[in-house]
Amino acid sequence: MTSSALVPSASTDRTAEVSRNTAETRITVRLNLDGTGQSSLHTGIGFFDHMLEQIARHGLIDLEVHAEGDLHIDGHHTVEDVGITIGQAFARAVGDKKGIRRYGHAYVPLDEALSRVVIDLSGRPGLVLNIPFTSGMIGAFDTQLTHEFFQGFVNHAGATLHVDNLRGVNAHHQCETAFKAFARALRAAVERDPRSAGTIPSTKGSL
């Protein structure tokens, strides 16, 4: 059984809180899209916390994540469900998307690694992820779970996301550039556009 609780936010206050409780995980996420990059992160997976910190700091999103999961099995359920819950909170916080830029992209290097992320807050979930990891594990983090996190996010945020690691030798660097580029692209996409204030950035009139 899965339950999710949403705390409503005012239209001008782009914040949200979501709690997701299942037989496998118990997660609470709080975020503010117009924050300063502050974070409080406790998932039980150190490297994953480090990646979530990149989203907060480089996306200028205040982010709190508290997760208790079945880590005695592995990190799969925790990472995937954190992605789902952040996606739900993001969708709630961004609201009807009036006046935002909608699209964002970023290239981020880290030493020998370089990643590109392009995002469209389209309302249509879609993920294309290409990171040829050079290692299966980074600390206690299974690199396959990078896909599960982003898939959970796009499914519930209603976003189309392309993530490409263009080069890299160190798996830590590959993953970190992807998360940093995601943060920068997301920051650009949710930015308010003064030239289109109050309008939906779509010819359909809704997203």
C-alpha atoms as a PDB file:
ATOM      1  CA  MET A   1       0.000   0.000   0.000  1.00  0.00           C
ATOM      2  CA  THR A   2       1.228   3.477  -0.863  1.00  0.00           C
ATOM      3  CA  SER A   3       0.062   6.750   0.626  1.00  0.00           C
ATOM      4  CA  SER A   4       1.089  10.284  -0.300  1.00  0.00           C
ATOM      5  CA  ALA A   5       0.227  13.508   1.498  1.00  0.00           C
ATOM      6  CA  LEU A   6       0.496  16.875  -0.192  1.00  0.00           C
ATOM      7  CA  VAL A   7       0.609  20.180   1.631  1.00  0.00           C
ATOM      8  CA  PRO A   8      -0.947  22.895  -0.559  1.00  0.00           C
ATOM      9  CA  SER A   9       1.080  25.996  -1.344  1.00  0.00           C
ATOM     10  CA  ALA A  10       0.039  29.476  -2.385  1.00  0.00           C
ATOM     11  CA  SER A  11       0.336  30.329  -6.057  1.00  0.00           C
ATOM     12  CA  THR A  12       3.192  32.767  -5.445  1.00  0.00           C
ATOM     13  CA  ASP A  13       4.933  30.538  -2.915  1.00  0.00           C
ATOM     14  CA  ARG A  14       6.663  27.811  -4.881  1.00  0.00           C
ATOM     15  CA  THR A  15       7.092  25.366  -2.028  1.00  0.00           C
ATOM     16  CA  ALA A  16       5.764  21.906  -1.326  1.00  0.00           C
ATOM     17  CA  GLU A  17       5.924  19.087   1.155  1.00  0.00           C
ATOM     18  CA  VAL A  18       5.208  15.468   0.249  1.00  0.00           C
ATOM     19  CA  SER A  19       5.226  12.369   2.430  1.00  0.00           C
ATOM     20  CA  ARG A  20       5.299   8.957   0.776  1.00  0.00           C
ATOM     21  CA  ASN A  21       4.935   5.815   2.873  1.00  0.00           C
ATOM     22  CA  THR A  22       5.040   2.268   1.537  1.00  0.00           C
ATOM     23  CA  ALA A  23       5.948  -1.140   2.884  1.00  0.00           C
ATOM     24  CA  GLU A  24       9.476  -0.502   1.564  1.00  0.00           C
ATOM     25  CA  THR A  25      10.177   3.169   2.295  1.00  0.00           C
ATOM     26  CA  ARG A  26       9.059   6.127   4.386  1.00  0.00           C
ATOM     27  CA  ILE A  27      10.020   9.426   2.795  1.00  0.00           C
ATOM     28  CA  THR A  28       9.361  13.094   3.444  1.00  0.00           C
ATOM     29  CA  VAL A  29      10.473  15.808   1.016  1.00  0.00           C
ATOM     30  CA  ARG A  30      10.245  19.564   1.467  1.00  0.00           C
ATOM     31  CA  LEU A  31      11.412  21.946  -1.232  1.00  0.00           C
ATOM     32  CA  ASN A  32      11.403  25.596  -2.193  1.00  0.00           C
ATOM     33  CA  LEU A  33      12.072  26.339  -5.859  1.00  0.00           C
ATOM     34  CA  ASP A  34      13.038  29.920  -4.998  1.00  0.00           C
ATOM     35  CA  GLY A  35      15.514  29.054  -2.289  1.00  0.00           C
ATOM     36  CA  THR A  36      19.234  29.645  -1.808  1.00  0.00           C
ATOM     37  CA  GLY A  37      20.508  26.083  -2.141  1.00  0.00           C
ATOM     38  CA  GLN A  38      20.188  24.990   1.474  1.00  0.00           C
ATOM     39  CA  SER A  39      19.745  21.271   2.117  1.00  0.00           C
ATOM     40  CA  SER A  40      19.163  18.688   4.816  1.00  0.00           C
ATOM     41  CA  LEU A  41      19.539  15.190   3.406  1.00  0.00           C
ATOM     42  CA  HIS A  42      19.281  11.828   5.119  1.00  0.00           C
ATOM     43  CA  THR A  43      18.733   8.806   2.873  1.00  0.00           C
ATOM     44  CA  GLY A  44      21.164   6.351   4.443  1.00  0.00           C
ATOM     45  CA  ILE A  45      23.262   6.296   1.251  1.00  0.00           C
ATOM     46  CA  GLY A  46      26.121   8.748   1.569  1.00  0.00           C
ATOM     47  CA  PHE A  47      26.920   9.241  -2.102  1.00  0.00           C
ATOM     48  CA  PHE A  48      23.239   9.663  -2.944  1.00  0.00           C
ATOM     49  CA  ASP A  49      22.985  12.408  -0.320  1.00  0.00           C
ATOM     50  CA  HIS A  50      25.988  14.033  -2.018  1.00  0.00           C
ATOM     51  CA  MET A  51      24.173  13.982  -5.372  1.00  0.00           C
ATOM     52  CA  LEU A  52      20.978  15.429  -3.893  1.00  0.00           C
ATOM     53  CA  GLU A  53      23.108  18.182  -2.380  1.00  0.00           C
ATOM     54  CA  GLN A  54      24.232  19.082  -5.905  1.00  0.00           C
ATOM     55  CA  ILE A  55      20.596  19.505  -6.975  1.00  0.00           C
ATOM     56  CA  ALA A  56      19.967  21.869  -4.088  1.00  0.00           C
ATOM     57  CA  ARG A  57      23.154  23.891  -4.314  1.00  0.00           C
ATOM     58  CA  HIS A  58      23.392  24.301  -8.077  1.00  0.00           C
ATOM     59  CA  GLY A  59      19.649  24.511  -8.667  1.00  0.00           C
ATOM     60  CA  LEU A  60      19.216  27.061  -5.848  1.00  0.00           C
ATOM     61  CA  ILE A  61      16.475  24.840  -4.472  1.00  0.00           C
ATOM     62  CA  ASP A  62      16.075  24.502  -0.717  1.00  0.00           C
ATOM     63  CA  LEU A  63      15.671  20.757  -0.266  1.00  0.00           C
ATOM     64  CA  GLU A  64      14.984  18.527   2.696  1.00  0.00           C
ATOM     65  CA  VAL A  65      14.843  14.763   2.242  1.00  0.00           C
ATOM     66  CA  HIS A  66      14.387  12.271   5.039  1.00  0.00           C
ATOM     67  CA  ALA A  67      14.170   8.660   3.905  1.00  0.00           C
ATOM     68  CA  GLU A  68      14.017   5.376   5.752  1.00  0.00           C
ATOM     69  CA  GLY A  69      14.187   2.403   3.419  1.00  0.00           C
ATOM     70  CA  ASP A  70      14.947  -1.298   3.228  1.00  0.00           C
ATOM     71  CA  LEU A  71      18.688  -0.778   2.801  1.00  0.00           C
ATOM     72  CA  HIS A  72      19.292  -4.247   4.239  1.00  0.00           C
ATOM     73  CA  ILE A  73      18.143  -5.457   0.806  1.00  0.00           C
ATOM     74  CA  ASP A  74      19.786  -2.763  -1.341  1.00  0.00           C
ATOM     75  CA  GLY A  75      19.353   0.888  -2.248  1.00  0.00           C
ATOM     76  CA  HIS A  76      16.912   0.409  -5.121  1.00  0.00           C
ATOM     77  CA  HIS A  77      13.628   1.180  -3.388  1.00  0.00           C
ATOM     78  CA  THR A  78      15.071   4.125  -1.468  1.00  0.00           C
ATOM     79  CA  VAL A  79      16.634   5.832  -4.494  1.00  0.00           C
ATOM     80  CA  GLU A  80      13.647   5.233  -6.765  1.00  0.00           C
ATOM     81  CA  ASP A  81      11.109   6.381  -4.181  1.00  0.00           C
ATOM     82  CA  VAL A  82      13.113   9.501  -3.355  1.00  0.00           C
ATOM     83  CA  GLY A  83      13.018  10.322  -7.072  1.00  0.00           C
ATOM     84  CA  ILE A  84       9.251   9.780  -7.099  1.00  0.00           C
ATOM     85  CA  THR A  85       8.698  11.926  -4.021  1.00  0.00           C
ATOM     86  CA  ILE A  86      10.903  14.780  -5.219  1.00  0.00           C
ATOM     87  CA  GLY A  87       9.030  14.636  -8.538  1.00  0.00           C
ATOM     88  CA  GLN A  88       5.681  14.880  -6.742  1.00  0.00           C
ATOM     89  CA  ALA A  89       6.894  17.806  -4.642  1.00  0.00           C
ATOM     90  CA  PHE A  90       8.321  19.546  -7.687  1.00  0.00           C
ATOM     91  CA  ALA A  91       5.051  19.211  -9.615  1.00  0.00           C
ATOM     92  CA  ARG A  92       3.175  20.659  -6.667  1.00  0.00           C
ATOM     93  CA  ALA A  93       5.607  23.551  -6.196  1.00  0.00           C
ATOM     94  CA  VAL A  94       5.838  24.598  -9.845  1.00  0.00           C
ATOM     95  CA  GLY A  95       2.054  24.777 -10.073  1.00  0.00           C
ATOM     96  CA  ASP A  96       0.385  25.688 -13.372  1.00  0.00           C
ATOM     97  CA  LYS A  97       3.741  26.794 -14.894  1.00  0.00           C
ATOM     98  CA  LYS A  98       2.509  30.240 -15.844  1.00  0.00           C
ATOM     99  CA  GLY A  99       5.351  32.607 -16.567  1.00  0.00           C
ATOM    100  CA  ILE A 100       8.225  30.112 -16.378  1.00  0.00           C
ATOM    101  CA  ARG A 101      10.779  29.522 -19.101  1.00  0.00           C
ATOM    102  CA  ARG A 102       9.831  25.817 -19.341  1.00  0.00           C
ATOM    103  CA  TYR A 103      13.065  24.708 -21.077  1.00  0.00           C
ATOM    104  CA  GLY A 104      16.525  24.461 -19.599  1.00  0.00           C
ATOM    105  CA  HIS A 105      19.883  23.028 -20.559  1.00  0.00           C
ATOM    106  CA  ALA A 106      23.353  22.905 -19.083  1.00  0.00           C
ATOM    107  CA  TYR A 107      26.813  21.510 -19.683  1.00  0.00           C
ATOM    108  CA  VAL A 108      28.892  20.809 -16.582  1.00  0.00           C
ATOM    109  CA  PRO A 109      32.508  19.573 -16.447  1.00  0.00           C
ATOM    110  CA  LEU A 110      34.405  18.006 -13.572  1.00  0.00           C
ATOM    111  CA  ASP A 111      38.033  17.327 -14.408  1.00  0.00           C
ATOM    112  CA  GLU A 112      37.954  14.793 -17.269  1.00  0.00           C
ATOM    113  CA  ALA A 113      34.166  14.303 -17.186  1.00  0.00           C
ATOM    114  CA  LEU A 114      31.544  16.333 -19.033  1.00  0.00           C
ATOM    115  CA  SER A 115      27.766  15.962 -18.993  1.00  0.00           C
ATOM    116  CA  ARG A 116      24.888  17.648 -20.784  1.00  0.00           C
ATOM    117  CA  VAL A 117      21.307  17.809 -19.533  1.00  0.00           C
ATOM    118  CA  VAL A 118      18.285  19.204 -21.393  1.00  0.00           C
ATOM    119  CA  ILE A 119      14.864  19.444 -19.745  1.00  0.00           C
ATOM    120  CA  ASP A 120      11.378  20.386 -20.881  1.00  0.00           C
ATOM    121  CA  LEU A 121       8.677  20.849 -18.248  1.00  0.00           C
ATOM    122  CA  SER A 122       6.245  19.556 -20.821  1.00  0.00           C
ATOM    123  CA  GLY A 123       3.803  17.686 -18.621  1.00  0.00           C
ATOM    124  CA  ARG A 124       4.828  14.542 -20.518  1.00  0.00           C
ATOM    125  CA  PRO A 125       7.130  12.111 -18.712  1.00  0.00           C
ATOM    126  CA  GLY A 126      10.117  11.037 -20.782  1.00  0.00           C
ATOM    127  CA  LEU A 127      13.680  10.039 -20.004  1.00  0.00           C
ATOM    128  CA  VAL A 128      16.674   9.416 -22.245  1.00  0.00           C
ATOM    129  CA  LEU A 129      19.745   8.704 -20.131  1.00  0.00           C
ATOM    130  CA  ASN A 130      23.152   7.775 -21.468  1.00  0.00           C
ATOM    131  CA  ILE A 131      25.888   7.491 -18.854  1.00  0.00           C
ATOM    132  CA  PRO A 132      28.446   4.771 -19.698  1.00  0.00           C
ATOM    133  CA  PHE A 133      29.606   4.318 -16.127  1.00  0.00           C
ATOM    134  CA  THR A 134      33.143   3.000 -15.740  1.00  0.00           C
ATOM    135  CA  SER A 135      32.256   1.396 -12.398  1.00  0.00           C
ATOM    136  CA  GLY A 136      29.195  -0.378 -11.072  1.00  0.00           C
ATOM    137  CA  MET A 137      29.459   1.088  -7.591  1.00  0.00           C
ATOM    138  CA  ILE A 138      30.387   4.478  -6.160  1.00  0.00           C
ATOM    139  CA  GLY A 139      30.760   3.877  -2.451  1.00  0.00           C
ATOM    140  CA  ALA A 140      27.497   2.206  -1.436  1.00  0.00           C
ATOM    141  CA  PHE A 141      25.649   3.625  -4.437  1.00  0.00           C
ATOM    142  CA  ASP A 142      24.804   1.307  -7.338  1.00  0.00           C
ATOM    143  CA  THR A 143      25.295   3.377 -10.498  1.00  0.00           C
ATOM    144  CA  GLN A 144      22.290   1.654 -12.142  1.00  0.00           C
ATOM    145  CA  LEU A 145      20.118   3.532  -9.658  1.00  0.00           C
ATOM    146  CA  THR A 146      20.911   6.833 -11.362  1.00  0.00           C
ATOM    147  CA  HIS A 147      18.381   5.805 -14.007  1.00  0.00           C
ATOM    148  CA  GLU A 148      15.834   4.798 -11.371  1.00  0.00           C
ATOM    149  CA  PHE A 149      16.102   8.179  -9.633  1.00  0.00           C
ATOM    150  CA  PHE A 150      15.626  10.206 -12.795  1.00  0.00           C
ATOM    151  CA  GLN A 151      12.850   7.904 -14.033  1.00  0.00           C
ATOM    152  CA  GLY A 152      10.969   8.353 -10.778  1.00  0.00           C
ATOM    153  CA  PHE A 153      11.425  12.101 -11.004  1.00  0.00           C
ATOM    154  CA  VAL A 154      10.230  12.562 -14.590  1.00  0.00           C
ATOM    155  CA  ASN A 155       7.250  10.243 -14.135  1.00  0.00           C
ATOM    156  CA  HIS A 156       5.874  12.351 -11.314  1.00  0.00           C
ATOM    157  CA  ALA A 157       7.183  15.813 -12.215  1.00  0.00           C
ATOM    158  CA  GLY A 158       5.826  15.518 -15.758  1.00  0.00           C
ATOM    159  CA  ALA A 159       9.112  16.371 -17.415  1.00  0.00           C
ATOM    160  CA  THR A 160      11.007  15.323 -20.518  1.00  0.00           C
ATOM    161  CA  LEU A 161      14.663  14.843 -19.612  1.00  0.00           C
ATOM    162  CA  HIS A 162      17.754  14.026 -21.651  1.00  0.00           C
ATOM    163  CA  VAL A 163      20.932  13.216 -19.708  1.00  0.00           C
ATOM    164  CA  ASP A 164      24.163  12.510 -21.580  1.00  0.00           C
ATOM    165  CA  ASN A 165      27.599  11.960 -20.121  1.00  0.00           C
ATOM    166  CA  LEU A 166      29.727  13.017 -23.070  1.00  0.00           C
ATOM    167  CA  ARG A 167      33.020  11.822 -21.608  1.00  0.00           C
ATOM    168  CA  GLY A 168      34.499  10.636 -18.364  1.00  0.00           C
ATOM    169  CA  VAL A 169      36.823   8.098 -16.796  1.00  0.00           C
ATOM    170  CA  ASN A 170      36.024   8.407 -13.102  1.00  0.00           C
ATOM    171  CA  ALA A 171      32.514   7.159 -12.257  1.00  0.00           C
ATOM    172  CA  HIS A 172      32.172   9.627  -9.386  1.00  0.00           C
ATOM    173  CA  HIS A 173      32.893  12.479 -11.789  1.00  0.00           C
ATOM    174  CA  GLN A 174      30.510  11.074 -14.408  1.00  0.00           C
ATOM    175  CA  CYS A 175      27.638  10.919 -11.953  1.00  0.00           C
ATOM    176  CA  GLU A 176      28.355  14.247 -10.298  1.00  0.00           C
ATOM    177  CA  THR A 177      28.479  16.130 -13.594  1.00  0.00           C
ATOM    178  CA  ALA A 178      25.103  14.628 -14.534  1.00  0.00           C
ATOM    179  CA  PHE A 179      23.471  15.721 -11.274  1.00  0.00           C
ATOM    180  CA  LYS A 180      25.041  19.184 -11.401  1.00  0.00           C
ATOM    181  CA  ALA A 181      23.943  19.694 -15.001  1.00  0.00           C
ATOM    182  CA  PHE A 182      20.450  18.507 -14.059  1.00  0.00           C
ATOM    183  CA  ALA A 183      20.365  21.086 -11.284  1.00  0.00           C
ATOM    184  CA  ARG A 184      21.450  23.916 -13.561  1.00  0.00           C
ATOM    185  CA  ALA A 185      19.003  22.925 -16.297  1.00  0.00           C
ATOM    186  CA  LEU A 186      16.158  22.672 -13.796  1.00  0.00           C
ATOM    187  CA  ARG A 187      17.024  26.078 -12.369  1.00  0.00           C
ATOM    188  CA  ALA A 188      16.813  27.595 -15.847  1.00  0.00           C
ATOM    189  CA  ALA A 189      13.518  25.870 -16.672  1.00  0.00           C
ATOM    190  CA  VAL A 190      11.666  27.042 -13.546  1.00  0.00           C
ATOM    191  CA  GLU A 191      12.988  30.589 -13.764  1.00  0.00           C
ATOM    192  CA  ARG A 192      10.288  33.210 -14.145  1.00  0.00           C
ATOM    193  CA  ASP A 193      10.366  34.931 -17.527  1.00  0.00           C
ATOM    194  CA  PRO A 194       9.337  38.595 -17.203  1.00  0.00           C
ATOM    195  CA  ARG A 195       8.393  38.700 -20.892  1.00  0.00           C
ATOM    196  CA  SER A 196       5.750  35.998 -20.469  1.00  0.00           C
ATOM    197  CA  ALA A 197       4.428  36.741 -17.003  1.00  0.00           C
ATOM    198  CA  GLY A 198       1.072  35.123 -16.381  1.00  0.00           C
ATOM    199  CA  THR A 199       1.060  33.061 -19.551  1.00  0.00           C
ATOM    200  CA  ILE A 200       1.516  29.338 -20.149  1.00  0.00           C
ATOM    201  CA  PRO A 201       4.632  28.654 -22.256  1.00  0.00           C
ATOM    202  CA  SER A 202       2.764  26.482 -24.748  1.00  0.00           C
ATOM    203  CA  THR A 203       0.607  27.013 -27.858  1.00  0.00           C
ATOM    204  CA  LYS A 204      -1.844  24.523 -26.339  1.00  0.00           C
ATOM    205  CA  GLY A 205      -2.537  26.836 -23.443  1.00  0.00           C
ATOM    206  CA  SER A 206      -1.719  24.236 -20.802  1.00  0.00           C
ATOM    207  CA  LEU A 207       1.133  22.007 -19.694  1.00  0.00           C
END
